[in-house]
Amino acid sequence: MIAMLEAVATPVLVVIKPRPLSPDANDDMVLDVAINGHADAIVTNNLKDFALAAERFGIQVLTPREFLIAYRKGE
């Protein structure tokens, strides 16, 4: 599974680390990659810890279910 993700992933150089961002410090590295990689969305079940910081940078936070529904609709 990891090898499949690595095959399609784009490496992101983390230059900007505007910390702290999340109430859970362990989530900051995910936000660092999303911000520096210009992500459209973060897919997680942990909406509470990501929502405020992601909104600040214009990044959607979606549950896996919401992501799959949007993906199937072509959004």
PDB file of N, CA and C in Angstrom:
ATOM      1  N   MET A   1       0.821  -1.191   0.000  1.00  0.00           N
ATOM      2  CA  MET A   1       0.000   0.000   0.000  1.00  0.00           C
ATOM      3  C   MET A   1       0.871   1.264   0.000  1.00  0.00           C
ATOM      4  N   ILE A   2       1.872   1.304   0.847  1.00  0.00           N
ATOM      5  CA  ILE A   2       2.757   2.474   0.901  1.00  0.00           C
ATOM      6  C   ILE A   2       3.484   2.644  -0.430  1.00  0.00           C
ATOM      7  N   ALA A   3       3.936   1.576  -1.016  1.00  0.00           N
ATOM      8  CA  ALA A   3       4.637   1.658  -2.302  1.00  0.00           C
ATOM      9  C   ALA A   3       3.729   2.241  -3.384  1.00  0.00           C
ATOM     10  N   MET A   4       2.440   1.910  -3.344  1.00  0.00           N
ATOM     11  CA  MET A   4       1.497   2.461  -4.317  1.00  0.00           C
ATOM     12  C   MET A   4       1.344   3.968  -4.124  1.00  0.00           C
ATOM     13  N   LEU A   5       1.273   4.412  -2.872  1.00  0.00           N
ATOM     14  CA  LEU A   5       1.174   5.844  -2.594  1.00  0.00           C
ATOM     15  C   LEU A   5       2.438   6.580  -3.021  1.00  0.00           C
ATOM     16  N   GLU A   6       3.594   5.985  -2.724  1.00  0.00           N
ATOM     17  CA  GLU A   6       4.859   6.605  -3.113  1.00  0.00           C
ATOM     18  C   GLU A   6       4.982   6.738  -4.623  1.00  0.00           C
ATOM     19  N   ALA A   7       4.398   5.820  -5.358  1.00  0.00           N
ATOM     20  CA  ALA A   7       4.478   5.837  -6.817  1.00  0.00           C
ATOM     21  C   ALA A   7       3.729   7.022  -7.422  1.00  0.00           C
ATOM     22  N   VAL A   8       2.706   7.499  -6.748  1.00  0.00           N
ATOM     23  CA  VAL A   8       1.918   8.608  -7.288  1.00  0.00           C
ATOM     24  C   VAL A   8       2.094   9.911  -6.512  1.00  0.00           C
ATOM     25  N   ALA A   9       2.810   9.859  -5.414  1.00  0.00           N
ATOM     26  CA  ALA A   9       2.991  11.044  -4.566  1.00  0.00           C
ATOM     27  C   ALA A   9       4.001  12.015  -5.167  1.00  0.00           C
ATOM     28  N   THR A  10       3.815  13.274  -4.830  1.00  0.00           N
ATOM     29  CA  THR A  10       4.767  14.313  -5.222  1.00  0.00           C
ATOM     30  C   THR A  10       5.489  14.786  -3.965  1.00  0.00           C
ATOM     31  N   PRO A  11       6.818  14.679  -3.939  1.00  0.00           N
ATOM     32  CA  PRO A  11       7.550  15.143  -2.754  1.00  0.00           C
ATOM     33  C   PRO A  11       7.329  16.642  -2.535  1.00  0.00           C
ATOM     34  N   VAL A  12       7.254  17.037  -1.270  1.00  0.00           N
ATOM     35  CA  VAL A  12       7.033  18.436  -0.916  1.00  0.00           C
ATOM     36  C   VAL A  12       8.184  18.905  -0.041  1.00  0.00           C
ATOM     37  N   LEU A  13       8.811  19.990  -0.449  1.00  0.00           N
ATOM     38  CA  LEU A  13       9.850  20.608   0.358  1.00  0.00           C
ATOM     39  C   LEU A  13       9.168  21.556   1.340  1.00  0.00           C
ATOM     40  N   VAL A  14       9.333  21.296   2.623  1.00  0.00           N
ATOM     41  CA  VAL A  14       8.711  22.132   3.643  1.00  0.00           C
ATOM     42  C   VAL A  14       9.646  23.290   3.953  1.00  0.00           C
ATOM     43  N   VAL A  15       9.242  24.472   3.506  1.00  0.00           N
ATOM     44  CA  VAL A  15      10.033  25.685   3.702  1.00  0.00           C
ATOM     45  C   VAL A  15       9.430  26.536   4.812  1.00  0.00           C
ATOM     46  N   ILE A  16       8.106  26.639   4.798  1.00  0.00           N
ATOM     47  CA  ILE A  16       7.390  27.455   5.764  1.00  0.00           C
ATOM     48  C   ILE A  16       6.799  26.546   6.838  1.00  0.00           C
ATOM     49  N   LYS A  17       7.047  26.878   8.096  1.00  0.00           N
ATOM     50  CA  LYS A  17       6.483  26.129   9.220  1.00  0.00           C
ATOM     51  C   LYS A  17       5.818  27.112  10.174  1.00  0.00           C
ATOM     52  N   PRO A  18       4.618  27.572   9.808  1.00  0.00           N
ATOM     53  CA  PRO A  18       3.935  28.549  10.656  1.00  0.00           C
ATOM     54  C   PRO A  18       3.287  27.888  11.878  1.00  0.00           C
ATOM     55  N   ARG A  19       4.086  27.570  12.876  1.00  0.00           N
ATOM     56  CA  ARG A  19       3.589  26.820  14.031  1.00  0.00           C
ATOM     57  C   ARG A  19       3.409  27.706  15.243  1.00  0.00           C
ATOM     58  N   PRO A  20       2.609  27.305  16.209  1.00  0.00           N
ATOM     59  CA  PRO A  20       1.701  26.163  16.214  1.00  0.00           C
ATOM     60  C   PRO A  20       0.454  26.454  15.405  1.00  0.00           C
ATOM     61  N   LEU A  21      -0.074  25.435  14.788  1.00  0.00           N
ATOM     62  CA  LEU A  21      -1.274  25.570  13.956  1.00  0.00           C
ATOM     63  C   LEU A  21      -2.470  24.824  14.523  1.00  0.00           C
ATOM     64  N   SER A  22      -2.230  23.675  15.065  1.00  0.00           N
ATOM     65  CA  SER A  22      -3.296  22.798  15.508  1.00  0.00           C
ATOM     66  C   SER A  22      -3.259  22.632  17.025  1.00  0.00           C
ATOM     67  N   PRO A  23      -4.399  22.353  17.644  1.00  0.00           N
ATOM     68  CA  PRO A  23      -4.400  22.040  19.071  1.00  0.00           C
ATOM     69  C   PRO A  23      -3.563  20.793  19.389  1.00  0.00           C
ATOM     70  N   ASP A  24      -3.401  19.924  18.405  1.00  0.00           N
ATOM     71  CA  ASP A  24      -2.579  18.722  18.560  1.00  0.00           C
ATOM     72  C   ASP A  24      -1.288  18.942  17.784  1.00  0.00           C
ATOM     73  N   ALA A  25      -0.195  19.115  18.502  1.00  0.00           N
ATOM     74  CA  ALA A  25       1.095  19.415  17.872  1.00  0.00           C
ATOM     75  C   ALA A  25       1.514  18.352  16.864  1.00  0.00           C
ATOM     76  N   ASN A  26       1.067  17.113  17.023  1.00  0.00           N
ATOM     77  CA  ASN A  26       1.411  16.051  16.074  1.00  0.00           C
ATOM     78  C   ASN A  26       0.776  16.279  14.704  1.00  0.00           C
ATOM     79  N   ASP A  27      -0.279  17.089  14.638  1.00  0.00           N
ATOM     80  CA  ASP A  27      -0.935  17.375  13.365  1.00  0.00           C
ATOM     81  C   ASP A  27      -0.228  18.479  12.580  1.00  0.00           C
ATOM     82  N   ASP A  28       0.649  19.217  13.237  1.00  0.00           N
ATOM     83  CA  ASP A  28       1.318  20.338  12.569  1.00  0.00           C
ATOM     84  C   ASP A  28       2.145  19.904  11.359  1.00  0.00           C
ATOM     85  N   MET A  29       2.780  18.736  11.424  1.00  0.00           N
ATOM     86  CA  MET A  29       3.595  18.309  10.278  1.00  0.00           C
ATOM     87  C   MET A  29       2.715  17.994   9.065  1.00  0.00           C
ATOM     88  N   VAL A  30       1.495  17.513   9.293  1.00  0.00           N
ATOM     89  CA  VAL A  30       0.564  17.281   8.185  1.00  0.00           C
ATOM     90  C   VAL A  30       0.167  18.620   7.574  1.00  0.00           C
ATOM     91  N   LEU A  31      -0.107  19.583   8.426  1.00  0.00           N
ATOM     92  CA  LEU A  31      -0.447  20.924   7.944  1.00  0.00           C
ATOM     93  C   LEU A  31       0.731  21.566   7.218  1.00  0.00           C
ATOM     94  N   ASP A  32       1.955  21.359   7.708  1.00  0.00           N
ATOM     95  CA  ASP A  32       3.153  21.888   7.030  1.00  0.00           C
ATOM     96  C   ASP A  32       3.218  21.401   5.585  1.00  0.00           C
ATOM     97  N   VAL A  33       3.004  20.103   5.381  1.00  0.00           N
ATOM     98  CA  VAL A  33       3.069  19.527   4.038  1.00  0.00           C
ATOM     99  C   VAL A  33       1.911  20.036   3.181  1.00  0.00           C
ATOM    100  N   ALA A  34       0.725  20.123   3.763  1.00  0.00           N
ATOM    101  CA  ALA A  34      -0.435  20.605   3.003  1.00  0.00           C
ATOM    102  C   ALA A  34      -0.240  22.054   2.568  1.00  0.00           C
ATOM    103  N   ILE A  35       0.271  22.885   3.450  1.00  0.00           N
ATOM    104  CA  ILE A  35       0.491  24.303   3.142  1.00  0.00           C
ATOM    105  C   ILE A  35       1.585  24.461   2.093  1.00  0.00           C
ATOM    106  N   ASN A  36       2.719  23.830   2.314  1.00  0.00           N
ATOM    107  CA  ASN A  36       3.846  23.958   1.389  1.00  0.00           C
ATOM    108  C   ASN A  36       3.592  23.262   0.058  1.00  0.00           C
ATOM    109  N   GLY A  37       2.740  22.244   0.056  1.00  0.00           N
ATOM    110  CA  GLY A  37       2.421  21.525  -1.173  1.00  0.00           C
ATOM    111  C   GLY A  37       1.217  22.092  -1.894  1.00  0.00           C
ATOM    112  N   HIS A  38       0.665  23.185  -1.374  1.00  0.00           N
ATOM    113  CA  HIS A  38      -0.507  23.846  -1.977  1.00  0.00           C
ATOM    114  C   HIS A  38      -1.654  22.857  -2.164  1.00  0.00           C
ATOM    115  N   ALA A  39      -1.922  22.077  -1.113  1.00  0.00           N
ATOM    116  CA  ALA A  39      -2.992  21.079  -1.168  1.00  0.00           C
ATOM    117  C   ALA A  39      -4.355  21.746  -1.267  1.00  0.00           C
ATOM    118  N   ASP A  40      -5.250  21.098  -1.979  1.00  0.00           N
ATOM    119  CA  ASP A  40      -6.639  21.541  -2.051  1.00  0.00           C
ATOM    120  C   ASP A  40      -7.409  21.088  -0.819  1.00  0.00           C
ATOM    121  N   ALA A  41      -7.012  19.936  -0.268  1.00  0.00           N
ATOM    122  CA  ALA A  41      -7.758  19.373   0.856  1.00  0.00           C
ATOM    123  C   ALA A  41      -6.876  18.464   1.698  1.00  0.00           C
ATOM    124  N   ILE A  42      -7.295  18.298   2.939  1.00  0.00           N
ATOM    125  CA  ILE A  42      -6.744  17.295   3.844  1.00  0.00           C
ATOM    126  C   ILE A  42      -7.892  16.322   4.101  1.00  0.00           C
ATOM    127  N   VAL A  43      -7.629  15.044   3.952  1.00  0.00           N
ATOM    128  CA  VAL A  43      -8.656  14.021   4.177  1.00  0.00           C
ATOM    129  C   VAL A  43      -8.342  13.346   5.508  1.00  0.00           C
ATOM    130  N   THR A  44      -9.273  13.488   6.451  1.00  0.00           N
ATOM    131  CA  THR A  44      -9.063  12.978   7.799  1.00  0.00           C
ATOM    132  C   THR A  44     -10.394  12.818   8.525  1.00  0.00           C
ATOM    133  N   ASN A  45     -10.398  11.987   9.527  1.00  0.00           N
ATOM    134  CA  ASN A  45     -11.558  11.912  10.418  1.00  0.00           C
ATOM    135  C   ASN A  45     -11.409  12.871  11.591  1.00  0.00           C
ATOM    136  N   ASN A  46     -10.271  13.534  11.671  1.00  0.00           N
ATOM    137  CA  ASN A  46      -9.967  14.456  12.761  1.00  0.00           C
ATOM    138  C   ASN A  46     -10.275  15.893  12.328  1.00  0.00           C
ATOM    139  N   LEU A  47     -11.515  16.175  12.029  1.00  0.00           N
ATOM    140  CA  LEU A  47     -11.907  17.492  11.533  1.00  0.00           C
ATOM    141  C   LEU A  47     -11.628  18.592  12.551  1.00  0.00           C
ATOM    142  N   LYS A  48     -11.862  18.296  13.797  1.00  0.00           N
ATOM    143  CA  LYS A  48     -11.761  19.302  14.852  1.00  0.00           C
ATOM    144  C   LYS A  48     -10.363  19.933  14.920  1.00  0.00           C
ATOM    145  N   ASP A  49      -9.333  19.128  14.892  1.00  0.00           N
ATOM    146  CA  ASP A  49      -7.975  19.652  15.047  1.00  0.00           C
ATOM    147  C   ASP A  49      -7.434  20.320  13.785  1.00  0.00           C
ATOM    148  N   PHE A  50      -7.971  19.990  12.631  1.00  0.00           N
ATOM    149  CA  PHE A  50      -7.452  20.549  11.381  1.00  0.00           C
ATOM    150  C   PHE A  50      -8.250  21.741  10.849  1.00  0.00           C
ATOM    151  N   ALA A  51      -9.512  21.828  11.183  1.00  0.00           N
ATOM    152  CA  ALA A  51     -10.421  22.775  10.535  1.00  0.00           C
ATOM    153  C   ALA A  51      -9.961  24.229  10.586  1.00  0.00           C
ATOM    154  N   LEU A  52      -9.654  24.756  11.748  1.00  0.00           N
ATOM    155  CA  LEU A  52      -9.326  26.172  11.879  1.00  0.00           C
ATOM    156  C   LEU A  52      -8.046  26.537  11.119  1.00  0.00           C
ATOM    157  N   ALA A  53      -7.001  25.751  11.300  1.00  0.00           N
ATOM    158  CA  ALA A  53      -5.730  26.041  10.636  1.00  0.00           C
ATOM    159  C   ALA A  53      -5.844  25.891   9.128  1.00  0.00           C
ATOM    160  N   ALA A  54      -6.519  24.859   8.681  1.00  0.00           N
ATOM    161  CA  ALA A  54      -6.653  24.640   7.241  1.00  0.00           C
ATOM    162  C   ALA A  54      -7.455  25.765   6.597  1.00  0.00           C
ATOM    163  N   GLU A  55      -8.508  26.206   7.260  1.00  0.00           N
ATOM    164  CA  GLU A  55      -9.328  27.304   6.728  1.00  0.00           C
ATOM    165  C   GLU A  55      -8.482  28.575   6.570  1.00  0.00           C
ATOM    166  N   ARG A  56      -7.618  28.804   7.508  1.00  0.00           N
ATOM    167  CA  ARG A  56      -6.720  29.976   7.462  1.00  0.00           C
ATOM    168  C   ARG A  56      -5.876  30.002   6.191  1.00  0.00           C
ATOM    169  N   PHE A  57      -5.556  28.818   5.659  1.00  0.00           N
ATOM    170  CA  PHE A  57      -4.721  28.713   4.468  1.00  0.00           C
ATOM    171  C   PHE A  57      -5.523  28.292   3.229  1.00  0.00           C
ATOM    172  N   GLY A  58      -6.845  28.301   3.323  1.00  0.00           N
ATOM    173  CA  GLY A  58      -7.690  27.979   2.177  1.00  0.00           C
ATOM    174  C   GLY A  58      -7.687  26.518   1.787  1.00  0.00           C
ATOM    175  N   ILE A  59      -7.474  25.636   2.755  1.00  0.00           N
ATOM    176  CA  ILE A  59      -7.439  24.197   2.494  1.00  0.00           C
ATOM    177  C   ILE A  59      -8.702  23.567   3.073  1.00  0.00           C
ATOM    178  N   GLN A  60      -9.414  22.806   2.251  1.00  0.00           N
ATOM    179  CA  GLN A  60     -10.596  22.096   2.728  1.00  0.00           C
ATOM    180  C   GLN A  60     -10.181  20.963   3.649  1.00  0.00           C
ATOM    181  N   VAL A  61     -11.033  20.646   4.596  1.00  0.00           N
ATOM    182  CA  VAL A  61     -10.836  19.466   5.434  1.00  0.00           C
ATOM    183  C   VAL A  61     -12.059  18.577   5.223  1.00  0.00           C
ATOM    184  N   LEU A  62     -11.813  17.383   4.716  1.00  0.00           N
ATOM    185  CA  LEU A  62     -12.892  16.457   4.370  1.00  0.00           C
ATOM    186  C   LEU A  62     -12.713  15.129   5.092  1.00  0.00           C
ATOM    187  N   THR A  63     -13.832  14.521   5.446  1.00  0.00           N
ATOM    188  CA  THR A  63     -13.761  13.144   5.933  1.00  0.00           C
ATOM    189  C   THR A  63     -13.504  12.249   4.724  1.00  0.00           C
ATOM    190  N   PRO A  64     -13.034  11.028   4.949  1.00  0.00           N
ATOM    191  CA  PRO A  64     -12.866  10.114   3.810  1.00  0.00           C
ATOM    192  C   PRO A  64     -14.166   9.929   3.029  1.00  0.00           C
ATOM    193  N   ARG A  65     -15.286   9.871   3.712  1.00  0.00           N
ATOM    194  CA  ARG A  65     -16.591   9.726   3.051  1.00  0.00           C
ATOM    195  C   ARG A  65     -16.882  10.932   2.161  1.00  0.00           C
ATOM    196  N   GLU A  66     -16.687  12.141   2.701  1.00  0.00           N
ATOM    197  CA  GLU A  66     -16.928  13.356   1.919  1.00  0.00           C
ATOM    198  C   GLU A  66     -16.018  13.412   0.696  1.00  0.00           C
ATOM    199  N   PHE A  67     -14.761  13.005   0.883  1.00  0.00           N
ATOM    200  CA  PHE A  67     -13.814  13.004  -0.235  1.00  0.00           C
ATOM    201  C   PHE A  67     -14.261  12.049  -1.336  1.00  0.00           C
ATOM    202  N   LEU A  68     -14.653  10.838  -0.964  1.00  0.00           N
ATOM    203  CA  LEU A  68     -15.067   9.852  -1.964  1.00  0.00           C
ATOM    204  C   LEU A  68     -16.315  10.300  -2.710  1.00  0.00           C
ATOM    205  N   ILE A  69     -17.259  10.909  -2.010  1.00  0.00           N
ATOM    206  CA  ILE A  69     -18.470  11.414  -2.661  1.00  0.00           C
ATOM    207  C   ILE A  69     -18.094  12.497  -3.669  1.00  0.00           C
ATOM    208  N   ALA A  70     -17.255  13.450  -3.255  1.00  0.00           N
ATOM    209  CA  ALA A  70     -16.827  14.531  -4.147  1.00  0.00           C
ATOM    210  C   ALA A  70     -16.041  13.977  -5.336  1.00  0.00           C
ATOM    211  N   TYR A  71     -15.169  13.014  -5.077  1.00  0.00           N
ATOM    212  CA  TYR A  71     -14.346  12.415  -6.135  1.00  0.00           C
ATOM    213  C   TYR A  71     -15.227  11.724  -7.178  1.00  0.00           C
ATOM    214  N   ARG A  72     -16.214  10.990  -6.703  1.00  0.00           N
ATOM    215  CA  ARG A  72     -17.118  10.282  -7.620  1.00  0.00           C
ATOM    216  C   ARG A  72     -17.955  11.244  -8.447  1.00  0.00           C
ATOM    217  N   LYS A  73     -18.236  12.420  -7.899  1.00  0.00           N
ATOM    218  CA  LYS A  73     -19.000  13.430  -8.623  1.00  0.00           C
ATOM    219  C   LYS A  73     -18.095  14.236  -9.567  1.00  0.00           C
ATOM    220  N   GLY A  74     -16.797  14.019  -9.460  1.00  0.00           N
ATOM    221  CA  GLY A  74     -15.858  14.750 -10.305  1.00  0.00           C
ATOM    222  C   GLY A  74     -15.520  16.120  -9.784  1.00  0.00           C
ATOM    223  N   GLU A  75     -15.733  16.357  -8.528  1.00  0.00           N
ATOM    224  CA  GLU A  75     -15.445  17.673  -7.925  1.00  0.00           C
ATOM    225  C   GLU A  75     -14.012  17.772  -7.460  1.00  0.00           C
TER     226      GLU A  75
END
